[in-house]
C-alpha atoms as a PDB file:
ATOM      1  CA  MET A   1      20.022  12.745  21.357  1.00  0.00           C
ATOM      2  CA  PRO A   2      19.096  12.143  25.011  1.00  0.00           C
ATOM      3  CA  ALA A   3      17.469   8.854  25.861  1.00  0.00           C
ATOM      4  CA  HIS A   4      14.303  10.425  27.199  1.00  0.00           C
ATOM      5  CA  ALA A   5      13.704  12.101  23.823  1.00  0.00           C
ATOM      6  CA  GLU A   6      12.406   8.829  22.396  1.00  0.00           C
ATOM      7  CA  ALA A   7       9.445   9.008  24.696  1.00  0.00           C
ATOM      8  CA  GLY A   8       9.031  12.624  23.735  1.00  0.00           C
ATOM      9  CA  GLY A   9       7.797  13.686  27.152  1.00  0.00           C
ATOM     10  CA  GLY A  10       4.831  11.339  27.544  1.00  0.00           C
ATOM     11  CA  ARG A  11       1.459  12.780  26.544  1.00  0.00           C
ATOM     12  CA  ARG A  12       3.009  16.043  25.383  1.00  0.00           C
ATOM     13  CA  GLY A  13       5.440  14.111  23.213  1.00  0.00           C
ATOM     14  CA  THR A  14       2.624  12.054  21.701  1.00  0.00           C
ATOM     15  CA  LEU A  15       0.628  15.196  20.891  1.00  0.00           C
ATOM     16  CA  ALA A  16       3.730  16.726  19.335  1.00  0.00           C
ATOM     17  CA  LYS A  17       4.202  13.661  17.105  1.00  0.00           C
ATOM     18  CA  VAL A  18       0.528  13.807  16.098  1.00  0.00           C
ATOM     19  CA  SER A  19       0.854  17.474  15.161  1.00  0.00           C
ATOM     20  CA  LEU A  20       4.164  17.074  13.336  1.00  0.00           C
ATOM     21  CA  SER A  21       3.020  14.025  11.370  1.00  0.00           C
ATOM     22  CA  SER A  22      -0.188  15.866  10.367  1.00  0.00           C
ATOM     23  CA  VAL A  23       1.765  18.861   9.055  1.00  0.00           C
ATOM     24  CA  SER A  24       4.214  16.635   7.179  1.00  0.00           C
ATOM     25  CA  ALA A  25       1.385  14.551   5.680  1.00  0.00           C
ATOM     26  CA  ALA A  26      -0.461  17.681   4.482  1.00  0.00           C
ATOM     27  CA  MET A  27       2.730  18.910   2.793  1.00  0.00           C
ATOM     28  CA  ALA A  28       3.303  15.545   1.118  1.00  0.00           C
ATOM     29  CA  GLU A  29      -0.332  15.263   0.005  1.00  0.00           C
ATOM     30  CA  ALA A  30      -0.379  18.738  -1.547  1.00  0.00           C
ATOM     31  CA  SER A  31       2.802  18.109  -3.526  1.00  0.00           C
ATOM     32  CA  THR A  32       1.799  14.696  -4.933  1.00  0.00           C
ATOM     33  CA  TYR A  33      -2.009  14.816  -5.160  1.00  0.00           C
ATOM     34  CA  PRO A  34      -2.182  15.124  -8.996  1.00  0.00           C
ATOM     35  CA  LEU A  35      -0.499  11.706  -9.287  1.00  0.00           C
ATOM     36  CA  ASP A  36      -3.096  10.221  -6.951  1.00  0.00           C
ATOM     37  CA  ALA A  37      -5.843  11.624  -9.184  1.00  0.00           C
ATOM     38  CA  VAL A  38      -4.228   9.929 -12.214  1.00  0.00           C
ATOM     39  CA  LYS A  39      -3.945   6.635 -10.310  1.00  0.00           C
ATOM     40  CA  THR A  40      -7.616   6.680  -9.277  1.00  0.00           C
ATOM     41  CA  ARG A  41      -8.847   7.475 -12.800  1.00  0.00           C
ATOM     42  CA  LEU A  42      -6.734   4.600 -14.182  1.00  0.00           C
ATOM     43  CA  GLN A  43      -8.029   2.120 -11.613  1.00  0.00           C
ATOM     44  CA  LEU A  44     -11.653   2.948 -12.409  1.00  0.00           C
ATOM     45  CA  ARG A  45     -11.211   2.129 -16.091  1.00  0.00           C
ATOM     46  CA  ARG A  46     -12.735  -1.237 -16.975  1.00  0.00           C
ATOM     47  CA  SER A  47     -10.630  -2.130 -19.967  1.00  0.00           C
ATOM     48  CA  PRO A  48      -8.081  -4.917 -20.476  1.00  0.00           C
ATOM     49  CA  GLY A  49      -4.477  -4.207 -19.679  1.00  0.00           C
ATOM     50  CA  GLY A  50      -2.219  -3.085 -16.896  1.00  0.00           C
ATOM     51  CA  ALA A  51      -0.606   0.238 -16.081  1.00  0.00           C
ATOM     52  CA  GLY A  52       1.230   1.245 -19.243  1.00  0.00           C
ATOM     53  CA  GLY A  53       2.980   4.569 -19.576  1.00  0.00           C
ATOM     54  CA  GLY A  54       0.783   5.608 -22.526  1.00  0.00           C
ATOM     55  CA  GLY A  55      -2.331   5.176 -20.412  1.00  0.00           C
ATOM     56  CA  VAL A  56      -0.816   7.306 -17.661  1.00  0.00           C
ATOM     57  CA  LEU A  57      -0.085  10.164 -20.058  1.00  0.00           C
ATOM     58  CA  ARG A  58      -3.549  10.007 -21.633  1.00  0.00           C
ATOM     59  CA  VAL A  59      -5.267  10.076 -18.250  1.00  0.00           C
ATOM     60  CA  ALA A  60      -3.076  12.945 -17.050  1.00  0.00           C
ATOM     61  CA  ALA A  61      -4.030  14.925 -20.157  1.00  0.00           C
ATOM     62  CA  GLU A  62      -7.721  14.155 -19.586  1.00  0.00           C
ATOM     63  CA  LEU A  63      -7.537  15.325 -15.970  1.00  0.00           C
ATOM     64  CA  ALA A  64      -5.830  18.557 -16.969  1.00  0.00           C
ATOM     65  CA  ARG A  65      -8.462  19.155 -19.647  1.00  0.00           C
ATOM     66  CA  ASP A  66     -11.352  18.343 -17.285  1.00  0.00           C
ATOM     67  CA  GLY A  67      -9.998  20.509 -14.477  1.00  0.00           C
ATOM     68  CA  GLY A  68     -10.073  17.552 -12.092  1.00  0.00           C
ATOM     69  CA  VAL A  69      -6.424  17.504 -11.010  1.00  0.00           C
ATOM     70  CA  TYR A  70      -7.158  18.708  -7.466  1.00  0.00           C
ATOM     71  CA  ARG A  71     -10.778  17.616  -7.200  1.00  0.00           C
ATOM     72  CA  GLY A  72     -11.194  15.713  -3.928  1.00  0.00           C
ATOM     73  CA  PHE A  73      -8.157  17.362  -2.357  1.00  0.00           C
ATOM     74  CA  SER A  74     -10.029  18.621   0.741  1.00  0.00           C
ATOM     75  CA  PRO A  75     -11.226  15.161   1.858  1.00  0.00           C
ATOM     76  CA  ALA A  76      -7.766  13.783   1.042  1.00  0.00           C
ATOM     77  CA  VAL A  77      -6.167  16.202   3.508  1.00  0.00           C
ATOM     78  CA  LEU A  78      -8.936  15.510   6.056  1.00  0.00           C
ATOM     79  CA  ARG A  79      -8.197  11.804   5.733  1.00  0.00           C
ATOM     80  CA  HIS A  80      -4.493  12.284   6.364  1.00  0.00           C
ATOM     81  CA  LEU A  81      -5.131  14.421   9.437  1.00  0.00           C
ATOM     82  CA  MET A  82      -6.634  11.244  10.943  1.00  0.00           C
ATOM     83  CA  TYR A  83      -4.873   8.455   9.073  1.00  0.00           C
ATOM     84  CA  THR A  84      -1.209   9.445   9.210  1.00  0.00           C
ATOM     85  CA  PRO A  85      -0.918  10.380  12.920  1.00  0.00           C
ATOM     86  CA  LEU A  86      -2.760   7.209  13.969  1.00  0.00           C
ATOM     87  CA  ARG A  87      -0.573   4.871  11.931  1.00  0.00           C
ATOM     88  CA  ILE A  88       2.755   6.605  12.609  1.00  0.00           C
ATOM     89  CA  VAL A  89       2.276   7.141  16.338  1.00  0.00           C
ATOM     90  CA  GLY A  90       0.530   3.773  16.670  1.00  0.00           C
ATOM     91  CA  TYR A  91       3.466   1.977  15.043  1.00  0.00           C
ATOM     92  CA  GLU A  92       5.981   3.718  17.290  1.00  0.00           C
ATOM     93  CA  HIS A  93       3.941   2.843  20.373  1.00  0.00           C
ATOM     94  CA  LEU A  94       3.706  -0.841  19.395  1.00  0.00           C
ATOM     95  CA  ARG A  95       7.402  -0.921  18.509  1.00  0.00           C
ATOM     96  CA  SER A  96       8.329   0.583  21.886  1.00  0.00           C
ATOM     97  CA  THR A  97       6.076  -1.883  23.691  1.00  0.00           C
ATOM     98  CA  LEU A  98       7.656  -4.825  21.863  1.00  0.00           C
ATOM     99  CA  ALA A  99      11.127  -3.469  22.646  1.00  0.00           C
ATOM    100  CA  SER A 100      10.460  -3.251  26.388  1.00  0.00           C
ATOM    101  CA  GLY A 101      13.220  -4.821  28.444  1.00  0.00           C
ATOM    102  CA  GLY A 102      15.828  -3.946  25.837  1.00  0.00           C
ATOM    103  CA  ARG A 103      14.949  -6.786  23.450  1.00  0.00           C
ATOM    104  CA  ASP A 104      15.430  -6.430  19.702  1.00  0.00           C
ATOM    105  CA  VAL A 105      12.223  -6.190  17.678  1.00  0.00           C
ATOM    106  CA  GLY A 106      12.224  -8.569  14.702  1.00  0.00           C
ATOM    107  CA  VAL A 107      11.147  -7.774  11.148  1.00  0.00           C
ATOM    108  CA  VAL A 108       8.009  -9.910  11.419  1.00  0.00           C
ATOM    109  CA  GLU A 109       6.982  -8.124  14.618  1.00  0.00           C
ATOM    110  CA  LYS A 110       7.557  -4.741  12.992  1.00  0.00           C
ATOM    111  CA  ALA A 111       5.561  -5.843   9.950  1.00  0.00           C
ATOM    112  CA  LEU A 112       2.617  -6.854  12.149  1.00  0.00           C
ATOM    113  CA  ALA A 113       2.877  -3.609  14.111  1.00  0.00           C
ATOM    114  CA  GLY A 114       2.825  -1.613  10.883  1.00  0.00           C
ATOM    115  CA  GLY A 115      -0.060  -3.601   9.426  1.00  0.00           C
ATOM    116  CA  LEU A 116      -2.238  -3.388  12.546  1.00  0.00           C
ATOM    117  CA  SER A 117      -1.562   0.334  12.946  1.00  0.00           C
ATOM    118  CA  GLY A 118      -2.568   0.839   9.333  1.00  0.00           C
ATOM    119  CA  ILE A 119      -5.840  -1.062   9.750  1.00  0.00           C
ATOM    120  CA  ALA A 120      -6.868   0.961  12.800  1.00  0.00           C
ATOM    121  CA  ALA A 121      -6.000   4.259  11.114  1.00  0.00           C
ATOM    122  CA  GLN A 122      -7.777   3.382   7.866  1.00  0.00           C
ATOM    123  CA  VAL A 123     -10.996   2.263   9.551  1.00  0.00           C
ATOM    124  CA  VAL A 124     -11.207   5.625  11.332  1.00  0.00           C
ATOM    125  CA  SER A 125     -10.422   7.660   8.208  1.00  0.00           C
ATOM    126  CA  SER A 126     -12.374   5.541   5.688  1.00  0.00           C
ATOM    127  CA  PRO A 127     -15.310   7.999   5.279  1.00  0.00           C
ATOM    128  CA  ALA A 128     -12.953  10.772   4.136  1.00  0.00           C
ATOM    129  CA  ASP A 129     -11.215   8.330   1.782  1.00  0.00           C
ATOM    130  CA  LEU A 130     -14.587   7.317   0.310  1.00  0.00           C
ATOM    131  CA  ILE A 131     -15.482  10.940  -0.444  1.00  0.00           C
ATOM    132  CA  LYS A 132     -12.047  11.587  -1.950  1.00  0.00           C
ATOM    133  CA  VAL A 133     -12.347   8.612  -4.323  1.00  0.00           C
ATOM    134  CA  ARG A 134     -15.849   9.593  -5.455  1.00  0.00           C
ATOM    135  CA  MET A 135     -14.949  13.242  -6.000  1.00  0.00           C
ATOM    136  CA  GLN A 136     -11.906  12.191  -8.012  1.00  0.00           C
ATOM    137  CA  ALA A 137     -14.060   9.817 -10.084  1.00  0.00           C
ATOM    138  CA  ASP A 138     -16.602  12.587 -10.734  1.00  0.00           C
ATOM    139  CA  SER A 139     -13.994  14.879 -12.275  1.00  0.00           C
ATOM    140  CA  ARG A 140     -14.587  13.246 -15.666  1.00  0.00           C
ATOM    141  CA  LEU A 141     -18.281  14.189 -15.535  1.00  0.00           C
ATOM    142  CA  LEU A 142     -17.450  17.899 -15.715  1.00  0.00           C
ATOM    143  CA  SER A 143     -16.105  17.620 -19.271  1.00  0.00           C
ATOM    144  CA  GLN A 144     -19.383  15.920 -20.288  1.00  0.00           C
ATOM    145  CA  GLY A 145     -21.517  18.698 -18.870  1.00  0.00           C
ATOM    146  CA  ILE A 146     -22.848  16.385 -16.128  1.00  0.00           C
ATOM    147  CA  GLN A 147     -23.257  17.659 -12.591  1.00  0.00           C
ATOM    148  CA  PRO A 148     -20.914  15.841 -10.170  1.00  0.00           C
ATOM    149  CA  ARG A 149     -22.482  13.941  -7.283  1.00  0.00           C
ATOM    150  CA  TYR A 150     -21.095  16.241  -4.593  1.00  0.00           C
ATOM    151  CA  THR A 151     -20.216  19.925  -4.343  1.00  0.00           C
ATOM    152  CA  GLY A 152     -17.965  19.486  -1.301  1.00  0.00           C
ATOM    153  CA  ILE A 153     -17.213  17.499   1.840  1.00  0.00           C
ATOM    154  CA  ALA A 154     -20.329  18.544   3.786  1.00  0.00           C
ATOM    155  CA  ASP A 155     -22.595  17.886   0.784  1.00  0.00           C
ATOM    156  CA  ALA A 156     -20.989  14.468   0.287  1.00  0.00           C
ATOM    157  CA  PHE A 157     -21.479  13.457   3.936  1.00  0.00           C
ATOM    158  CA  THR A 158     -25.130  14.574   3.820  1.00  0.00           C
ATOM    159  CA  LYS A 159     -25.969  12.804   0.555  1.00  0.00           C
ATOM    160  CA  ILE A 160     -24.170   9.567   1.407  1.00  0.00           C
ATOM    161  CA  ILE A 161     -25.862   9.281   4.808  1.00  0.00           C
ATOM    162  CA  GLY A 162     -29.248  10.214   3.308  1.00  0.00           C
ATOM    163  CA  GLY A 163     -28.995   7.843   0.342  1.00  0.00           C
ATOM    164  CA  GLU A 164     -26.934   4.951   1.684  1.00  0.00           C
ATOM    165  CA  GLY A 165     -27.279   5.252   5.452  1.00  0.00           C
ATOM    166  CA  PHE A 166     -24.598   5.978   8.034  1.00  0.00           C
ATOM    167  CA  ARG A 167     -22.913   2.660   7.238  1.00  0.00           C
ATOM    168  CA  GLY A 168     -22.581   3.849   3.652  1.00  0.00           C
ATOM    169  CA  LEU A 169     -19.678   6.026   4.788  1.00  0.00           C
ATOM    170  CA  TRP A 170     -17.721   2.817   5.347  1.00  0.00           C
ATOM    171  CA  LYS A 171     -18.456   1.277   1.949  1.00  0.00           C
ATOM    172  CA  GLY A 172     -15.344  -0.546   0.823  1.00  0.00           C
ATOM    173  CA  VAL A 173     -13.873  -0.558   4.329  1.00  0.00           C
ATOM    174  CA  VAL A 174     -12.800  -4.220   4.050  1.00  0.00           C
ATOM    175  CA  PRO A 175     -10.574  -3.825   0.948  1.00  0.00           C
ATOM    176  CA  ASN A 176      -9.585  -0.455   2.386  1.00  0.00           C
ATOM    177  CA  ALA A 177      -8.339  -2.117   5.577  1.00  0.00           C
ATOM    178  CA  GLN A 178      -6.644  -4.897   3.602  1.00  0.00           C
ATOM    179  CA  ARG A 179      -4.785  -2.318   1.555  1.00  0.00           C
ATOM    180  CA  ALA A 180      -3.850  -0.352   4.686  1.00  0.00           C
ATOM    181  CA  PHE A 181      -2.391  -3.486   6.262  1.00  0.00           C
ATOM    182  CA  LEU A 182      -0.234  -4.169   3.193  1.00  0.00           C
ATOM    183  CA  VAL A 183       0.793  -0.529   2.634  1.00  0.00           C
ATOM    184  CA  ASN A 184       1.897   0.039   6.202  1.00  0.00           C
ATOM    185  CA  MET A 185       3.473  -3.386   6.527  1.00  0.00           C
ATOM    186  CA  GLY A 186       5.600  -2.507   3.506  1.00  0.00           C
ATOM    187  CA  GLU A 187       6.100   1.211   4.137  1.00  0.00           C
ATOM    188  CA  LEU A 188       6.742   1.491   7.872  1.00  0.00           C
ATOM    189  CA  THR A 189       8.682  -1.741   8.243  1.00  0.00           C
ATOM    190  CA  CYS A 190      10.804  -1.126   5.161  1.00  0.00           C
ATOM    191  CA  TYR A 191      11.547   2.498   6.074  1.00  0.00           C
ATOM    192  CA  ASP A 192      12.405   1.543   9.642  1.00  0.00           C
ATOM    193  CA  GLN A 193      14.606  -1.387   8.647  1.00  0.00           C
ATOM    194  CA  ALA A 194      16.248   0.320   5.671  1.00  0.00           C
ATOM    195  CA  LYS A 195      17.137   3.498   7.540  1.00  0.00           C
ATOM    196  CA  HIS A 196      18.668   1.691  10.507  1.00  0.00           C
ATOM    197  CA  LEU A 197      20.513  -0.725   8.197  1.00  0.00           C
ATOM    198  CA  ILE A 198      21.987   2.223   6.277  1.00  0.00           C
ATOM    199  CA  ILE A 199      23.140   3.837   9.518  1.00  0.00           C
ATOM    200  CA  ARG A 200      24.390   0.575  11.049  1.00  0.00           C
ATOM    201  CA  LYS A 201      26.433  -0.267   7.915  1.00  0.00           C
ATOM    202  CA  GLN A 202      27.847   3.277   8.079  1.00  0.00           C
ATOM    203  CA  ILE A 203      26.705   4.063   4.542  1.00  0.00           C
ATOM    204  CA  CYS A 204      25.797   7.471   5.916  1.00  0.00           C
ATOM    205  CA  ASP A 205      24.642   9.126   9.112  1.00  0.00           C
ATOM    206  CA  ASP A 206      21.038   9.677  10.181  1.00  0.00           C
ATOM    207  CA  ASN A 207      20.549  12.492   7.681  1.00  0.00           C
ATOM    208  CA  LEU A 208      18.747  13.546   4.509  1.00  0.00           C
ATOM    209  CA  TYR A 209      20.583  10.947   2.407  1.00  0.00           C
ATOM    210  CA  ALA A 210      19.555   8.083   4.702  1.00  0.00           C
ATOM    211  CA  HIS A 211      15.948   9.305   4.827  1.00  0.00           C
ATOM    212  CA  THR A 212      15.831   9.582   1.027  1.00  0.00           C
ATOM    213  CA  LEU A 213      17.197   6.068   0.401  1.00  0.00           C
ATOM    214  CA  ALA A 214      14.871   4.552   3.001  1.00  0.00           C
ATOM    215  CA  SER A 215      11.824   6.365   1.628  1.00  0.00           C
ATOM    216  CA  VAL A 216      12.491   5.171  -1.941  1.00  0.00           C
ATOM    217  CA  ALA A 217      12.844   1.566  -0.769  1.00  0.00           C
ATOM    218  CA  SER A 218       9.683   1.710   1.331  1.00  0.00           C
ATOM    219  CA  GLY A 219       7.706   3.315  -1.505  1.00  0.00           C
ATOM    220  CA  LEU A 220       8.513   0.483  -3.912  1.00  0.00           C
ATOM    221  CA  SER A 221       7.761  -2.164  -1.299  1.00  0.00           C
ATOM    222  CA  ALA A 222       4.446  -0.599  -0.303  1.00  0.00           C
ATOM    223  CA  THR A 223       3.317  -0.128  -3.920  1.00  0.00           C
ATOM    224  CA  THR A 224       4.083  -3.686  -4.991  1.00  0.00           C
ATOM    225  CA  LEU A 225       2.264  -5.198  -2.016  1.00  0.00           C
ATOM    226  CA  SER A 226      -0.758  -2.921  -1.972  1.00  0.00           C
ATOM    227  CA  CYS A 227      -1.645  -2.175  -5.602  1.00  0.00           C
ATOM    228  CA  PRO A 228      -4.100  -5.103  -6.100  1.00  0.00           C
ATOM    229  CA  ALA A 229      -5.946  -4.251  -2.872  1.00  0.00           C
ATOM    230  CA  ASP A 230      -5.909  -0.578  -3.886  1.00  0.00           C
ATOM    231  CA  VAL A 231      -7.620  -1.347  -7.213  1.00  0.00           C
ATOM    232  CA  ILE A 232     -10.327  -3.381  -5.458  1.00  0.00           C
ATOM    233  CA  LYS A 233     -10.755  -0.712  -2.776  1.00  0.00           C
ATOM    234  CA  THR A 234     -11.106   2.091  -5.317  1.00  0.00           C
ATOM    235  CA  ARG A 235     -13.758   0.256  -7.340  1.00  0.00           C
ATOM    236  CA  MET A 236     -15.743  -0.802  -4.282  1.00  0.00           C
ATOM    237  CA  MET A 237     -15.726   2.693  -2.799  1.00  0.00           C
ATOM    238  CA  ASN A 238     -16.827   4.318  -6.058  1.00  0.00           C
ATOM    239  CA  GLN A 239     -20.070   2.307  -6.083  1.00  0.00           C
ATOM    240  CA  GLY A 240     -23.335   3.928  -5.098  1.00  0.00           C
ATOM    241  CA  LYS A 241     -26.483   2.187  -3.905  1.00  0.00           C
ATOM    242  CA  GLU A 242     -26.567  -1.604  -3.887  1.00  0.00           C
ATOM    243  CA  GLY A 243     -29.063  -1.670  -6.769  1.00  0.00           C
ATOM    244  CA  LYS A 244     -26.477  -0.058  -9.035  1.00  0.00           C
ATOM    245  CA  ALA A 245     -23.500  -1.957  -7.662  1.00  0.00           C
ATOM    246  CA  LEU A 246     -21.270  -3.823 -10.109  1.00  0.00           C
ATOM    247  CA  TYR A 247     -19.677  -5.905  -7.358  1.00  0.00           C
ATOM    248  CA  ARG A 248     -21.306  -7.703  -4.418  1.00  0.00           C
ATOM    249  CA  ASN A 249     -18.168  -7.700  -2.281  1.00  0.00           C
ATOM    250  CA  SER A 250     -14.376  -7.518  -2.470  1.00  0.00           C
ATOM    251  CA  TYR A 251     -13.998 -11.116  -3.640  1.00  0.00           C
ATOM    252  CA  ASP A 252     -16.582 -10.621  -6.386  1.00  0.00           C
ATOM    253  CA  CYS A 253     -14.728  -7.489  -7.510  1.00  0.00           C
ATOM    254  CA  LEU A 254     -11.430  -9.389  -7.564  1.00  0.00           C
ATOM    255  CA  VAL A 255     -12.875 -12.273  -9.618  1.00  0.00           C
ATOM    256  CA  LYS A 256     -14.663 -10.037 -12.142  1.00  0.00           C
ATOM    257  CA  THR A 257     -11.654  -7.775 -12.578  1.00  0.00           C
ATOM    258  CA  VAL A 258      -9.298 -10.685 -13.317  1.00  0.00           C
ATOM    259  CA  ARG A 259     -11.874 -12.508 -15.485  1.00  0.00           C
ATOM    260  CA  HIS A 260     -12.747  -9.550 -17.710  1.00  0.00           C
ATOM    261  CA  GLU A 261      -9.514  -7.531 -17.681  1.00  0.00           C
ATOM    262  CA  GLY A 262      -6.751  -9.995 -16.870  1.00  0.00           C
ATOM    263  CA  VAL A 263      -4.580 -10.396 -13.795  1.00  0.00           C
ATOM    264  CA  MET A 264      -2.404  -7.395 -14.662  1.00  0.00           C
ATOM    265  CA  ALA A 265      -5.451  -5.181 -14.180  1.00  0.00           C
ATOM    266  CA  LEU A 266      -4.814  -5.600 -10.447  1.00  0.00           C
ATOM    267  CA  TRP A 267      -1.733  -3.447 -10.931  1.00  0.00           C
ATOM    268  CA  LYS A 268      -3.514  -0.693 -12.836  1.00  0.00           C
ATOM    269  CA  GLY A 269      -2.148   2.606 -11.677  1.00  0.00           C
ATOM    270  CA  PHE A 270       1.139   1.038 -10.523  1.00  0.00           C
ATOM    271  CA  LEU A 271       3.354   3.637 -12.205  1.00  0.00           C
ATOM    272  CA  PRO A 272       1.528   6.718 -10.866  1.00  0.00           C
ATOM    273  CA  THR A 273       1.147   5.015  -7.487  1.00  0.00           C
ATOM    274  CA  TRP A 274       4.881   4.369  -7.247  1.00  0.00           C
ATOM    275  CA  ALA A 275       5.659   7.767  -8.757  1.00  0.00           C
ATOM    276  CA  ARG A 276       3.471   9.295  -6.070  1.00  0.00           C
ATOM    277  CA  LEU A 277       4.541   7.159  -3.119  1.00  0.00           C
ATOM    278  CA  GLY A 278       8.209   7.851  -3.739  1.00  0.00           C
ATOM    279  CA  PRO A 279       7.921  11.662  -3.660  1.00  0.00           C
ATOM    280  CA  TRP A 280       5.161  11.492  -1.010  1.00  0.00           C
ATOM    281  CA  GLN A 281       7.344   9.519   1.333  1.00  0.00           C
ATOM    282  CA  PHE A 282      10.386  11.645   0.554  1.00  0.00           C
ATOM    283  CA  VAL A 283       8.505  14.845   1.444  1.00  0.00           C
ATOM    284  CA  PHE A 284       6.809  13.250   4.449  1.00  0.00           C
ATOM    285  CA  TRP A 285       9.772  11.468   6.024  1.00  0.00           C
ATOM    286  CA  VAL A 286      12.324  14.217   5.427  1.00  0.00           C
ATOM    287  CA  SER A 287      10.035  16.936   6.796  1.00  0.00           C
ATOM    288  CA  TYR A 288       8.815  14.730   9.662  1.00  0.00           C
ATOM    289  CA  GLU A 289      12.333  13.765  10.713  1.00  0.00           C
ATOM    290  CA  LYS A 290      13.474  17.409  10.537  1.00  0.00           C
ATOM    291  CA  LEU A 291      10.458  18.622  12.520  1.00  0.00           C
ATOM    292  CA  ARG A 292      11.088  15.943  15.161  1.00  0.00           C
ATOM    293  CA  GLN A 293      14.707  16.999  15.408  1.00  0.00           C
ATOM    294  CA  ALA A 294      13.726  20.668  15.755  1.00  0.00           C
ATOM    295  CA  SER A 295      11.226  19.730  18.483  1.00  0.00           C
ATOM    296  CA  GLY A 296      13.763  17.755  20.497  1.00  0.00           C
ATOM    297  CA  ILE A 297      12.272  14.352  19.652  1.00  0.00           C
ATOM    298  CA  SER A 298      14.605  11.573  18.572  1.00  0.00           C
ATOM    299  CA  SER A 299      14.651  10.165  15.050  1.00  0.00           C
ATOM    300  CA  PHE A 300      11.828   7.799  14.011  1.00  0.00           C
END
């Protein structure tokens, strides 16, 4: 691949990466969304215990019965149209900046680049994430004959702003940003390091096999690091008005969750999260790398 391909042609290259990462993220989200719905339902349960396989199967059956498997899918895709391009392109830009002058970029620097890119992307996309979480949580109301809070994205935006103010769209943004830092620190750094290590050790070339191995490794790393913050984020974002809030802030949510449900409750939804992140990253990274190659842009 020619050297100038890394830059991708300046602004045009950046726009191409934004477009390609958006398409790849939408494909990955569509193929793994049911697992995300299971994870969210598990994390909202306030009962002792962690993320056992029996609980996963019961929740999956409930979702299928309630018809809530793809509820919240529209805001999930909307979120990724903002979140994924910002974090992926942002990470590459920071990595290139750190590598200026031909210096090697260390693991710690890559981890910080991934974490900071994730925070920026998540803050921007947090309103769509909030709506997704609430629509997923409302899926259980349908089986009880209760009207869900929102009929769609536009209705959700209108009601949240009207009832909780414009700032209400960013409810849970702090644990959201904390989770984004950990997810992207684990995912982007691990994928980057693992793929180049595989190629450098001549285990295989820069191909589907390398992308698959790297995506599996990054999925496990990201899940382990981010699951506690993800549980806190999900519970904070599902809250309505302050008068009905169970938790005052992220720390209060953390303390109450551990006190009443045990420390393993912080890893509720671990199995579906990992089961989703693995396939999600496989679909995303393989399609993204192939689309980059077809567009004349060098490998990630």
